[in-house]
Structures are given as C-alpha cells and as structure tokens.
C-alpha cells in the first residue's frame, strides 16, 4: 500500500527557516521523481521544487530559487525541502509528490505559515 507523509510544517516568522520532510513507502522510491508543491486557498497547486530519481538533477520555481533546497535519501525513502529566508507569500499547504511515467502519488500536505 502506497503511503506518503509530509511533516515539519509550522508557524515561522519572516526571514526564518523551516525543513519539511516527506517519507514514502509502498513503492520503489528510487524509481520516482520526487517533488514539492504548494497550494493556497482559491489557487492551483504549484510546483516548488523537484528532484530526479537519482538526486542528480533538481529544478526550482523562480520564486524560491536561492532560498529553498530539495534533497533526497533513497536509502531512507525520504525527500526534504530546506526553506530559508521565508516570506509571507510562502504561506501555503505543502505537498509531496512521487511521479513515474503517468503514475502520481500525493501526500496529505503540511501547513506552512510565515507571519510575524
């Protein structure tokens, strides 16, 4: 049974840092591209960052380049998103996704709120 679970969401002040984690099970993790997405009420879910199955290639939304870093550990079936210099506009529910060909698995999301 496939299971993806995000953790690490919290309330943080502007300029602060937060590290999100995603733990996966039930599929061959190292075969999947992993990504983080975020969504705010009334808006579409947007891609934040992605990482290739080997971890050798990463991609970031322009809005987070230089501030966020995605990484993965295939031995532990985990993917992380290190978020620095957080801004109020980073406030959203953050989702972890696994993708291989036409197969997509999503987690339930974790809330990140950036506010003073």
PDB file of N, CA and C in Angstrom:
ATOM      1  N   UNK A   1       0.841  -1.187   0.000  1.00  0.00           N
ATOM      2  CA  UNK A   1       0.000   0.000   0.000  1.00  0.00           C
ATOM      3  C   UNK A   1       0.883   1.246   0.000  1.00  0.00           C
ATOM      4  N   UNK A   2       0.604   2.136  -0.941  1.00  0.00           N
ATOM      5  CA  UNK A   2       1.380   3.361  -1.058  1.00  0.00           C
ATOM      6  C   UNK A   2       1.022   4.333   0.066  1.00  0.00           C
ATOM      7  N   UNK A   3       2.056   4.901   0.652  1.00  0.00           N
ATOM      8  CA  UNK A   3       1.839   5.910   1.707  1.00  0.00           C
ATOM      9  C   UNK A   3       2.910   6.977   1.584  1.00  0.00           C
ATOM     10  N   UNK A   4       2.465   8.227   1.557  1.00  0.00           N
ATOM     11  CA  UNK A   4       3.359   9.379   1.539  1.00  0.00           C
ATOM     12  C   UNK A   4       2.923  10.316   2.642  1.00  0.00           C
ATOM     13  N   UNK A   5       3.846  10.703   3.476  1.00  0.00           N
ATOM     14  CA  UNK A   5       3.503  11.561   4.616  1.00  0.00           C
ATOM     15  C   UNK A   5       4.500  12.699   4.751  1.00  0.00           C
ATOM     16  N   UNK A   6       3.961  13.907   4.756  1.00  0.00           N
ATOM     17  CA  UNK A   6       4.780  15.103   4.960  1.00  0.00           C
ATOM     18  C   UNK A   6       4.788  15.485   6.445  1.00  0.00           C
ATOM     19  N   UNK A   7       5.849  16.130   6.864  1.00  0.00           N
ATOM     20  CA  UNK A   7       5.948  16.637   8.228  1.00  0.00           C
ATOM     21  C   UNK A   7       6.856  17.859   8.245  1.00  0.00           C
ATOM     22  N   UNK A   8       6.787  18.602   9.336  1.00  0.00           N
ATOM     23  CA  UNK A   8       7.673  19.746   9.510  1.00  0.00           C
ATOM     24  C   UNK A   8       7.025  21.091   9.337  1.00  0.00           C
ATOM     25  N   UNK A   9       5.771  21.121   8.901  1.00  0.00           N
ATOM     26  CA  UNK A   9       5.099  22.397   8.747  1.00  0.00           C
ATOM     27  C   UNK A   9       4.907  23.082  10.096  1.00  0.00           C
ATOM     28  N   UNK A  10       4.940  24.418  10.073  1.00  0.00           N
ATOM     29  CA  UNK A  10       4.818  25.171  11.318  1.00  0.00           C
ATOM     30  C   UNK A  10       4.569  26.638  11.026  1.00  0.00           C
ATOM     31  N   UNK A  11       4.385  27.382  12.094  1.00  0.00           N
ATOM     32  CA  UNK A  11       4.318  28.841  12.021  1.00  0.00           C
ATOM     33  C   UNK A  11       5.742  29.368  12.232  1.00  0.00           C
ATOM     34  N   UNK A  12       6.197  30.214  11.322  1.00  0.00           N
ATOM     35  CA  UNK A  12       7.557  30.750  11.412  1.00  0.00           C
ATOM     36  C   UNK A  12       7.531  32.229  11.035  1.00  0.00           C
ATOM     37  N   UNK A  13       8.431  32.985  11.609  1.00  0.00           N
ATOM     38  CA  UNK A  13       8.496  34.415  11.322  1.00  0.00           C
ATOM     39  C   UNK A  13       9.170  34.673   9.981  1.00  0.00           C
ATOM     40  N   UNK A  14       8.838  35.778   9.338  1.00  0.00           N
ATOM     41  CA  UNK A  14       9.536  36.148   8.093  1.00  0.00           C
ATOM     42  C   UNK A  14      11.045  36.187   8.301  1.00  0.00           C
ATOM     43  N   UNK A  15      11.768  35.660   7.333  1.00  0.00           N
ATOM     44  CA  UNK A  15      13.221  35.564   7.436  1.00  0.00           C
ATOM     45  C   UNK A  15      13.699  34.296   8.080  1.00  0.00           C
ATOM     46  N   UNK A  16      12.798  33.532   8.630  1.00  0.00           N
ATOM     47  CA  UNK A  16      13.158  32.297   9.312  1.00  0.00           C
ATOM     48  C   UNK A  16      13.340  31.123   8.360  1.00  0.00           C
ATOM     49  N   UNK A  17      13.643  29.980   8.948  1.00  0.00           N
ATOM     50  CA  UNK A  17      13.888  28.757   8.186  1.00  0.00           C
ATOM     51  C   UNK A  17      12.999  27.630   8.685  1.00  0.00           C
ATOM     52  N   UNK A  18      12.781  26.689   7.793  1.00  0.00           N
ATOM     53  CA  UNK A  18      11.967  25.521   8.122  1.00  0.00           C
ATOM     54  C   UNK A  18      12.425  24.382   7.223  1.00  0.00           C
ATOM     55  N   UNK A  19      12.379  23.173   7.749  1.00  0.00           N
ATOM     56  CA  UNK A  19      12.734  21.994   6.961  1.00  0.00           C
ATOM     57  C   UNK A  19      11.546  21.041   6.928  1.00  0.00           C
ATOM     58  N   UNK A  20      11.046  20.795   5.735  1.00  0.00           N
ATOM     59  CA  UNK A  20       9.963  19.834   5.545  1.00  0.00           C
ATOM     60  C   UNK A  20      10.555  18.475   5.177  1.00  0.00           C
ATOM     61  N   UNK A  21       9.891  17.437   5.660  1.00  0.00           N
ATOM     62  CA  UNK A  21      10.305  16.075   5.329  1.00  0.00           C
ATOM     63  C   UNK A  21       9.137  15.304   4.745  1.00  0.00           C
ATOM     64  N   UNK A  22       9.461  14.372   3.883  1.00  0.00           N
ATOM     65  CA  UNK A  22       8.452  13.513   3.265  1.00  0.00           C
ATOM     66  C   UNK A  22       8.971  12.089   3.322  1.00  0.00           C
ATOM     67  N   UNK A  23       8.169  11.208   3.889  1.00  0.00           N
ATOM     68  CA  UNK A  23       8.532   9.801   3.992  1.00  0.00           C
ATOM     69  C   UNK A  23       7.578   8.983   3.142  1.00  0.00           C
ATOM     70  N   UNK A  24       8.133   8.079   2.340  1.00  0.00           N
ATOM     71  CA  UNK A  24       7.327   7.299   1.413  1.00  0.00           C
ATOM     72  C   UNK A  24       7.499   5.808   1.653  1.00  0.00           C
ATOM     73  N   UNK A  25       6.453   5.061   1.307  1.00  0.00           N
ATOM     74  CA  UNK A  25       6.524   3.601   1.392  1.00  0.00           C
ATOM     75  C   UNK A  25       5.514   2.998   0.424  1.00  0.00           C
ATOM     76  N   UNK A  26       5.704   1.727   0.114  1.00  0.00           N
ATOM     77  CA  UNK A  26       4.755   1.017  -0.736  1.00  0.00           C
ATOM     78  C   UNK A  26       5.060   1.035  -2.214  1.00  0.00           C
ATOM     79  N   UNK A  27       6.185   1.651  -2.591  1.00  0.00           N
ATOM     80  CA  UNK A  27       6.606   1.656  -3.985  1.00  0.00           C
ATOM     81  C   UNK A  27       8.132   1.772  -4.013  1.00  0.00           C
ATOM     82  N   UNK A  28       8.721   1.559  -5.172  1.00  0.00           N
ATOM     83  CA  UNK A  28      10.177   1.613  -5.305  1.00  0.00           C
ATOM     84  C   UNK A  28      10.606   3.064  -5.423  1.00  0.00           C
ATOM     85  N   UNK A  29      10.920   3.636  -4.274  1.00  0.00           N
ATOM     86  CA  UNK A  29      11.179   5.077  -4.150  1.00  0.00           C
ATOM     87  C   UNK A  29      12.225   5.557  -5.146  1.00  0.00           C
ATOM     88  N   UNK A  30      13.291   4.806  -5.323  1.00  0.00           N
ATOM     89  CA  UNK A  30      14.413   5.248  -6.156  1.00  0.00           C
ATOM     90  C   UNK A  30      14.071   5.295  -7.645  1.00  0.00           C
ATOM     91  N   UNK A  31      12.904   4.814  -8.032  1.00  0.00           N
ATOM     92  CA  UNK A  31      12.473   4.883  -9.431  1.00  0.00           C
ATOM     93  C   UNK A  31      11.662   6.137  -9.741  1.00  0.00           C
ATOM     94  N   UNK A  32      11.336   6.904  -8.709  1.00  0.00           N
ATOM     95  CA  UNK A  32      10.399   8.009  -8.855  1.00  0.00           C
ATOM     96  C   UNK A  32      11.062   9.371  -8.730  1.00  0.00           C
ATOM     97  N   UNK A  33      10.614  10.283  -9.599  1.00  0.00           N
ATOM     98  CA  UNK A  33      10.927  11.696  -9.420  1.00  0.00           C
ATOM     99  C   UNK A  33      10.085  12.191  -8.248  1.00  0.00           C
ATOM    100  N   UNK A  34      10.715  12.926  -7.357  1.00  0.00           N
ATOM    101  CA  UNK A  34      10.012  13.459  -6.195  1.00  0.00           C
ATOM    102  C   UNK A  34       9.936  14.982  -6.312  1.00  0.00           C
ATOM    103  N   UNK A  35       8.848  15.529  -5.829  1.00  0.00           N
ATOM    104  CA  UNK A  35       8.696  16.974  -5.912  1.00  0.00           C
ATOM    105  C   UNK A  35       7.877  17.504  -4.748  1.00  0.00           C
ATOM    106  N   UNK A  36       8.045  18.779  -4.502  1.00  0.00           N
ATOM    107  CA  UNK A  36       7.241  19.509  -3.533  1.00  0.00           C
ATOM    108  C   UNK A  36       6.381  20.518  -4.301  1.00  0.00           C
ATOM    109  N   UNK A  37       5.137  20.618  -3.885  1.00  0.00           N
ATOM    110  CA  UNK A  37       4.194  21.551  -4.464  1.00  0.00           C
ATOM    111  C   UNK A  37       3.539  22.307  -3.309  1.00  0.00           C
ATOM    112  N   UNK A  38       2.921  23.423  -3.627  1.00  0.00           N
ATOM    113  CA  UNK A  38       2.195  24.149  -2.586  1.00  0.00           C
ATOM    114  C   UNK A  38       0.908  24.732  -3.154  1.00  0.00           C
ATOM    115  N   UNK A  39      -0.016  24.972  -2.239  1.00  0.00           N
ATOM    116  CA  UNK A  39      -1.324  25.478  -2.651  1.00  0.00           C
ATOM    117  C   UNK A  39      -1.888  26.384  -1.582  1.00  0.00           C
ATOM    118  N   UNK A  40      -2.471  27.502  -2.033  1.00  0.00           N
ATOM    119  CA  UNK A  40      -3.180  28.413  -1.150  1.00  0.00           C
ATOM    120  C   UNK A  40      -4.650  28.402  -1.547  1.00  0.00           C
ATOM    121  N   UNK A  41      -5.524  28.788  -0.634  1.00  0.00           N
ATOM    122  CA  UNK A  41      -6.969  28.750  -0.926  1.00  0.00           C
ATOM    123  C   UNK A  41      -7.317  29.517  -2.183  1.00  0.00           C
ATOM    124  N   UNK A  42      -8.089  28.888  -3.050  1.00  0.00           N
ATOM    125  CA  UNK A  42      -8.548  29.528  -4.266  1.00  0.00           C
ATOM    126  C   UNK A  42      -7.563  29.516  -5.408  1.00  0.00           C
ATOM    127  N   UNK A  43      -6.407  28.932  -5.182  1.00  0.00           N
ATOM    128  CA  UNK A  43      -5.380  28.891  -6.218  1.00  0.00           C
ATOM    129  C   UNK A  43      -5.024  27.459  -6.587  1.00  0.00           C
ATOM    130  N   UNK A  44      -4.428  27.312  -7.773  1.00  0.00           N
ATOM    131  CA  UNK A  44      -3.995  25.998  -8.200  1.00  0.00           C
ATOM    132  C   UNK A  44      -2.725  25.583  -7.457  1.00  0.00           C
ATOM    133  N   UNK A  45      -2.539  24.290  -7.368  1.00  0.00           N
ATOM    134  CA  UNK A  45      -1.321  23.766  -6.769  1.00  0.00           C
ATOM    135  C   UNK A  45      -0.156  24.071  -7.707  1.00  0.00           C
ATOM    136  N   UNK A  46       0.931  24.576  -7.144  1.00  0.00           N
ATOM    137  CA  UNK A  46       2.075  24.928  -7.980  1.00  0.00           C
ATOM    138  C   UNK A  46       3.314  24.150  -7.575  1.00  0.00           C
ATOM    139  N   UNK A  47       4.164  23.893  -8.577  1.00  0.00           N
ATOM    140  CA  UNK A  47       5.421  23.209  -8.325  1.00  0.00           C
ATOM    141  C   UNK A  47       6.388  24.141  -7.618  1.00  0.00           C
ATOM    142  N   UNK A  48       6.998  23.638  -6.557  1.00  0.00           N
ATOM    143  CA  UNK A  48       8.010  24.393  -5.825  1.00  0.00           C
ATOM    144  C   UNK A  48       9.407  23.914  -6.210  1.00  0.00           C
ATOM    145  N   UNK A  49       9.609  22.607  -6.148  1.00  0.00           N
ATOM    146  CA  UNK A  49      10.920  22.035  -6.467  1.00  0.00           C
ATOM    147  C   UNK A  49      10.762  20.568  -6.802  1.00  0.00           C
ATOM    148  N   UNK A  50      11.648  20.066  -7.649  1.00  0.00           N
ATOM    149  CA  UNK A  50      11.641  18.650  -7.983  1.00  0.00           C
ATOM    150  C   UNK A  50      13.071  18.122  -7.992  1.00  0.00           C
ATOM    151  N   UNK A  51      13.181  16.807  -7.850  1.00  0.00           N
ATOM    152  CA  UNK A  51      14.496  16.165  -7.850  1.00  0.00           C
ATOM    153  C   UNK A  51      14.375  14.831  -8.585  1.00  0.00           C
ATOM    154  N   UNK A  52      15.363  14.554  -9.427  1.00  0.00           N
ATOM    155  CA  UNK A  52      15.340  13.325 -10.214  1.00  0.00           C
ATOM    156  C   UNK A  52      15.456  12.099  -9.317  1.00  0.00           C
ATOM    157  N   UNK A  53      15.218  10.943  -9.890  1.00  0.00           N
ATOM    158  CA  UNK A  53      15.189   9.725  -9.083  1.00  0.00           C
ATOM    159  C   UNK A  53      16.545   9.432  -8.435  1.00  0.00           C
ATOM    160  N   UNK A  54      17.629   9.837  -9.084  1.00  0.00           N
ATOM    161  CA  UNK A  54      18.954   9.607  -8.511  1.00  0.00           C
ATOM    162  C   UNK A  54      19.412  10.757  -7.625  1.00  0.00           C
ATOM    163  N   UNK A  55      18.709  11.869  -7.700  1.00  0.00           N
ATOM    164  CA  UNK A  55      19.124  13.050  -6.956  1.00  0.00           C
ATOM    165  C   UNK A  55      20.115  13.914  -7.703  1.00  0.00           C
ATOM    166  N   UNK A  56      20.443  13.530  -8.911  1.00  0.00           N
ATOM    167  CA  UNK A  56      21.454  14.253  -9.656  1.00  0.00           C
ATOM    168  C   UNK A  56      20.977  15.516 -10.334  1.00  0.00           C
ATOM    169  N   UNK A  57      19.682  15.707 -10.388  1.00  0.00           N
ATOM    170  CA  UNK A  57      19.131  16.878 -11.058  1.00  0.00           C
ATOM    171  C   UNK A  57      18.006  17.465 -10.233  1.00  0.00           C
ATOM    172  N   UNK A  58      18.010  18.780 -10.097  1.00  0.00           N
ATOM    173  CA  UNK A  58      16.961  19.468  -9.360  1.00  0.00           C
ATOM    174  C   UNK A  58      16.404  20.621 -10.178  1.00  0.00           C
ATOM    175  N   UNK A  59      15.204  21.036  -9.817  1.00  0.00           N
ATOM    176  CA  UNK A  59      14.535  22.121 -10.528  1.00  0.00           C
ATOM    177  C   UNK A  59      13.727  22.919  -9.507  1.00  0.00           C
ATOM    178  N   UNK A  60      13.736  24.254  -9.669  1.00  0.00           N
ATOM    179  CA  UNK A  60      13.058  25.109  -8.703  1.00  0.00           C
ATOM    180  C   UNK A  60      12.179  26.135  -9.391  1.00  0.00           C
ATOM    181  N   UNK A  61      11.090  26.482  -8.740  1.00  0.00           N
ATOM    182  CA  UNK A  61      10.291  27.612  -9.195  1.00  0.00           C
ATOM    183  C   UNK A  61      11.121  28.880  -9.011  1.00  0.00           C
ATOM    184  N   UNK A  62      10.936  29.843  -9.901  1.00  0.00           N
ATOM    185  CA  UNK A  62      11.706  31.084  -9.812  1.00  0.00           C
ATOM    186  C   UNK A  62      11.530  31.770  -8.461  1.00  0.00           C
ATOM    187  N   UNK A  63      10.350  31.647  -7.899  1.00  0.00           N
ATOM    188  CA  UNK A  63      10.037  32.342  -6.646  1.00  0.00           C
ATOM    189  C   UNK A  63      10.817  31.820  -5.440  1.00  0.00           C
ATOM    190  N   UNK A  64      11.403  30.625  -5.559  1.00  0.00           N
ATOM    191  CA  UNK A  64      12.112  30.039  -4.414  1.00  0.00           C
ATOM    192  C   UNK A  64      13.590  29.786  -4.693  1.00  0.00           C
ATOM    193  N   UNK A  65      14.033  30.050  -5.910  1.00  0.00           N
ATOM    194  CA  UNK A  65      15.447  29.815  -6.247  1.00  0.00           C
ATOM    195  C   UNK A  65      16.357  30.605  -5.326  1.00  0.00           C
ATOM    196  N   UNK A  66      17.383  29.936  -4.833  1.00  0.00           N
ATOM    197  CA  UNK A  66      18.336  30.572  -3.942  1.00  0.00           C
ATOM    198  C   UNK A  66      17.907  30.553  -2.482  1.00  0.00           C
ATOM    199  N   UNK A  67      16.667  30.188  -2.222  1.00  0.00           N
ATOM    200  CA  UNK A  67      16.167  30.146  -0.837  1.00  0.00           C
ATOM    201  C   UNK A  67      15.822  28.727  -0.384  1.00  0.00           C
ATOM    202  N   UNK A  68      15.314  27.912  -1.307  1.00  0.00           N
ATOM    203  CA  UNK A  68      14.888  26.554  -0.980  1.00  0.00           C
ATOM    204  C   UNK A  68      15.854  25.550  -1.594  1.00  0.00           C
ATOM    205  N   UNK A  69      16.012  24.413  -0.906  1.00  0.00           N
ATOM    206  CA  UNK A  69      16.848  23.330  -1.419  1.00  0.00           C
ATOM    207  C   UNK A  69      16.123  22.002  -1.218  1.00  0.00           C
ATOM    208  N   UNK A  70      16.010  21.249  -2.304  1.00  0.00           N
ATOM    209  CA  UNK A  70      15.400  19.930  -2.230  1.00  0.00           C
ATOM    210  C   UNK A  70      16.501  18.876  -2.213  1.00  0.00           C
ATOM    211  N   UNK A  71      16.279  17.817  -1.442  1.00  0.00           N
ATOM    212  CA  UNK A  71      17.256  16.725  -1.376  1.00  0.00           C
ATOM    213  C   UNK A  71      16.502  15.425  -1.106  1.00  0.00           C
ATOM    214  N   UNK A  72      17.162  14.307  -1.372  1.00  0.00           N
ATOM    215  CA  UNK A  72      16.527  13.017  -1.133  1.00  0.00           C
ATOM    216  C   UNK A  72      17.547  12.016  -0.610  1.00  0.00           C
ATOM    217  N   UNK A  73      17.027  11.020   0.088  1.00  0.00           N
ATOM    218  CA  UNK A  73      17.849   9.913   0.581  1.00  0.00           C
ATOM    219  C   UNK A  73      17.141   8.629   0.169  1.00  0.00           C
ATOM    220  N   UNK A  74      17.632   8.013  -0.875  1.00  0.00           N
ATOM    221  CA  UNK A  74      16.971   6.811  -1.399  1.00  0.00           C
ATOM    222  C   UNK A  74      17.102   5.614  -0.469  1.00  0.00           C
ATOM    223  N   UNK A  75      18.067   5.644   0.407  1.00  0.00           N
ATOM    224  CA  UNK A  75      18.222   4.547   1.375  1.00  0.00           C
ATOM    225  C   UNK A  75      17.146   4.614   2.454  1.00  0.00           C
ATOM    226  N   UNK A  76      16.648   5.821   2.701  1.00  0.00           N
ATOM    227  CA  UNK A  76      15.640   6.007   3.748  1.00  0.00           C
ATOM    228  C   UNK A  76      14.255   6.338   3.195  1.00  0.00           C
ATOM    229  N   UNK A  77      14.148   6.393   1.861  1.00  0.00           N
ATOM    230  CA  UNK A  77      12.862   6.718   1.224  1.00  0.00           C
ATOM    231  C   UNK A  77      12.312   8.060   1.698  1.00  0.00           C
ATOM    232  N   UNK A  78      13.183   9.032   1.749  1.00  0.00           N
ATOM    233  CA  UNK A  78      12.768  10.356   2.204  1.00  0.00           C
ATOM    234  C   UNK A  78      13.210  11.448   1.236  1.00  0.00           C
ATOM    235  N   UNK A  79      12.463  12.508   1.227  1.00  0.00           N
ATOM    236  CA  UNK A  79      12.822  13.711   0.477  1.00  0.00           C
ATOM    237  C   UNK A  79      12.567  14.900   1.389  1.00  0.00           C
ATOM    238  N   UNK A  80      13.452  15.868   1.332  1.00  0.00           N
ATOM    239  CA  UNK A  80      13.357  17.016   2.219  1.00  0.00           C
ATOM    240  C   UNK A  80      13.327  18.308   1.415  1.00  0.00           C
ATOM    241  N   UNK A  81      12.767  19.329   2.040  1.00  0.00           N
ATOM    242  CA  UNK A  81      12.782  20.669   1.456  1.00  0.00           C
ATOM    243  C   UNK A  81      13.266  21.635   2.538  1.00  0.00           C
ATOM    244  N   UNK A  82      14.464  22.132   2.363  1.00  0.00           N
ATOM    245  CA  UNK A  82      15.010  23.123   3.279  1.00  0.00           C
ATOM    246  C   UNK A  82      14.597  24.499   2.779  1.00  0.00           C
ATOM    247  N   UNK A  83      13.902  25.247   3.623  1.00  0.00           N
ATOM    248  CA  UNK A  83      13.381  26.548   3.236  1.00  0.00           C
ATOM    249  C   UNK A  83      14.016  27.625   4.109  1.00  0.00           C
ATOM    250  N   UNK A  84      14.742  28.529   3.489  1.00  0.00           N
ATOM    251  CA  UNK A  84      15.392  29.629   4.196  1.00  0.00           C
ATOM    252  C   UNK A  84      14.821  30.964   3.727  1.00  0.00           C
ATOM    253  N   UNK A  85      15.087  31.994   4.498  1.00  0.00           N
ATOM    254  CA  UNK A  85      14.634  33.352   4.151  1.00  0.00           C
ATOM    255  C   UNK A  85      13.154  33.359   3.784  1.00  0.00           C
ATOM    256  N   UNK A  86      12.368  32.762   4.616  1.00  0.00           N
ATOM    257  CA  UNK A  86      10.945  32.610   4.321  1.00  0.00           C
ATOM    258  C   UNK A  86      10.234  33.951   4.282  1.00  0.00           C
ATOM    259  N   UNK A  87       9.242  34.020   3.389  1.00  0.00           N
ATOM    260  CA  UNK A  87       8.457  35.223   3.186  1.00  0.00           C
ATOM    261  C   UNK A  87       6.986  34.909   3.452  1.00  0.00           C
ATOM    262  N   UNK A  88       6.198  35.927   3.777  1.00  0.00           N
ATOM    263  CA  UNK A  88       4.764  35.682   3.989  1.00  0.00           C
ATOM    264  C   UNK A  88       4.098  35.001   2.788  1.00  0.00           C
ATOM    265  N   UNK A  89       4.572  35.303   1.592  1.00  0.00           N
ATOM    266  CA  UNK A  89       3.976  34.689   0.395  1.00  0.00           C
ATOM    267  C   UNK A  89       4.338  33.216   0.231  1.00  0.00           C
ATOM    268  N   UNK A  90       5.199  32.693   1.083  1.00  0.00           N
ATOM    269  CA  UNK A  90       5.472  31.255   1.095  1.00  0.00           C
ATOM    270  C   UNK A  90       4.425  30.484   1.889  1.00  0.00           C
ATOM    271  N   UNK A  91       3.543  31.203   2.553  1.00  0.00           N
ATOM    272  CA  UNK A  91       2.478  30.555   3.307  1.00  0.00           C
ATOM    273  C   UNK A  91       1.597  29.720   2.392  1.00  0.00           C
ATOM    274  N   UNK A  92       1.429  28.449   2.730  1.00  0.00           N
ATOM    275  CA  UNK A  92       0.663  27.524   1.892  1.00  0.00           C
ATOM    276  C   UNK A  92       0.637  26.160   2.550  1.00  0.00           C
ATOM    277  N   UNK A  93      -0.174  25.281   1.988  1.00  0.00           N
ATOM    278  CA  UNK A  93      -0.064  23.865   2.316  1.00  0.00           C
ATOM    279  C   UNK A  93       0.937  23.267   1.331  1.00  0.00           C
ATOM    280  N   UNK A  94       1.923  22.569   1.860  1.00  0.00           N
ATOM    281  CA  UNK A  94       2.972  21.974   1.036  1.00  0.00           C
ATOM    282  C   UNK A  94       2.733  20.473   0.895  1.00  0.00           C
ATOM    283  N   UNK A  95       2.797  20.026  -0.351  1.00  0.00           N
ATOM    284  CA  UNK A  95       2.529  18.634  -0.671  1.00  0.00           C
ATOM    285  C   UNK A  95       3.764  17.976  -1.279  1.00  0.00           C
ATOM    286  N   UNK A  96       3.931  16.712  -0.974  1.00  0.00           N
ATOM    287  CA  UNK A  96       4.988  15.893  -1.545  1.00  0.00           C
ATOM    288  C   UNK A  96       4.368  14.986  -2.612  1.00  0.00           C
ATOM    289  N   UNK A  97       5.051  14.834  -3.745  1.00  0.00           N
ATOM    290  CA  UNK A  97       4.534  14.010  -4.818  1.00  0.00           C
ATOM    291  C   UNK A  97       5.616  13.092  -5.366  1.00  0.00           C
ATOM    292  N   UNK A  98       5.215  11.867  -5.677  1.00  0.00           N
ATOM    293  CA  UNK A  98       6.089  10.909  -6.351  1.00  0.00           C
ATOM    294  C   UNK A  98       5.529  10.683  -7.751  1.00  0.00           C
ATOM    295  N   UNK A  99       6.390  10.727  -8.746  1.00  0.00           N
ATOM    296  CA  UNK A  99       5.930  10.571 -10.128  1.00  0.00           C
ATOM    297  C   UNK A  99       6.846   9.628 -10.901  1.00  0.00           C
ATOM    298  N   UNK A 100       6.209   8.703 -11.629  1.00  0.00           N
ATOM    299  CA  UNK A 100       6.932   7.841 -12.565  1.00  0.00           C
ATOM    300  C   UNK A 100       6.001   7.576 -13.730  1.00  0.00           C
ATOM    301  N   UNK A 101       6.387   8.034 -14.918  1.00  0.00           N
ATOM    302  CA  UNK A 101       5.547   7.948 -16.106  1.00  0.00           C
ATOM    303  C   UNK A 101       4.200   8.607 -15.795  1.00  0.00           C
ATOM    304  N   UNK A 102       3.101   7.906 -15.901  1.00  0.00           N
ATOM    305  CA  UNK A 102       1.790   8.500 -15.671  1.00  0.00           C
ATOM    306  C   UNK A 102       1.271   8.259 -14.260  1.00  0.00           C
ATOM    307  N   UNK A 103       2.088   7.675 -13.413  1.00  0.00           N
ATOM    308  CA  UNK A 103       1.684   7.381 -12.044  1.00  0.00           C
ATOM    309  C   UNK A 103       2.113   8.501 -11.113  1.00  0.00           C
ATOM    310  N   UNK A 104       1.163   9.015 -10.356  1.00  0.00           N
ATOM    311  CA  UNK A 104       1.430  10.063  -9.385  1.00  0.00           C
ATOM    312  C   UNK A 104       0.865   9.667  -8.029  1.00  0.00           C
ATOM    313  N   UNK A 105       1.694   9.839  -7.005  1.00  0.00           N
ATOM    314  CA  UNK A 105       1.247   9.616  -5.634  1.00  0.00           C
ATOM    315  C   UNK A 105       1.439  10.909  -4.856  1.00  0.00           C
ATOM    316  N   UNK A 106       0.410  11.283  -4.101  1.00  0.00           N
ATOM    317  CA  UNK A 106       0.451  12.523  -3.320  1.00  0.00           C
ATOM    318  C   UNK A 106       0.315  12.242  -1.833  1.00  0.00           C
ATOM    319  N   UNK A 107       0.949  13.109  -1.049  1.00  0.00           N
ATOM    320  CA  UNK A 107       0.721  13.100   0.381  1.00  0.00           C
ATOM    321  C   UNK A 107      -0.464  13.985   0.729  1.00  0.00           C
ATOM    322  N   UNK A 108      -0.755  14.078   2.027  1.00  0.00           N
ATOM    323  CA  UNK A 108      -1.913  14.851   2.503  1.00  0.00           C
ATOM    324  C   UNK A 108      -1.578  16.320   2.751  1.00  0.00           C
ATOM    325  N   UNK A 109      -0.311  16.656   2.772  1.00  0.00           N
ATOM    326  CA  UNK A 109       0.091  18.046   2.920  1.00  0.00           C
ATOM    327  C   UNK A 109       0.423  18.436   4.346  1.00  0.00           C
ATOM    328  N   UNK A 110       1.221  19.505   4.453  1.00  0.00           N
ATOM    329  CA  UNK A 110       1.584  20.068   5.755  1.00  0.00           C
ATOM    330  C   UNK A 110       1.530  21.588   5.641  1.00  0.00           C
ATOM    331  N   UNK A 111       0.973  22.233   6.656  1.00  0.00           N
ATOM    332  CA  UNK A 111       0.755  23.682   6.602  1.00  0.00           C
ATOM    333  C   UNK A 111       2.010  24.435   7.011  1.00  0.00           C
ATOM    334  N   UNK A 112       2.392  25.389   6.176  1.00  0.00           N
ATOM    335  CA  UNK A 112       3.471  26.321   6.484  1.00  0.00           C
ATOM    336  C   UNK A 112       2.876  27.724   6.522  1.00  0.00           C
ATOM    337  N   UNK A 113       3.063  28.396   7.633  1.00  0.00           N
ATOM    338  CA  UNK A 113       2.569  29.765   7.781  1.00  0.00           C
ATOM    339  C   UNK A 113       3.729  30.671   8.156  1.00  0.00           C
ATOM    340  N   UNK A 114       3.936  31.700   7.340  1.00  0.00           N
ATOM    341  CA  UNK A 114       5.006  32.662   7.582  1.00  0.00           C
ATOM    342  C   UNK A 114       4.355  33.981   7.977  1.00  0.00           C
ATOM    343  N   UNK A 115       4.502  34.319   9.247  1.00  0.00           N
ATOM    344  CA  UNK A 115       3.832  35.506   9.761  1.00  0.00           C
ATOM    345  C   UNK A 115       4.523  35.983  11.026  1.00  0.00           C
ATOM    346  N   UNK A 116       4.483  37.289  11.239  1.00  0.00           N
ATOM    347  CA  UNK A 116       5.030  37.846  12.470  1.00  0.00           C
ATOM    348  C   UNK A 116       3.936  38.010  13.514  1.00  0.00           C
TER     349      UNK A 116
END
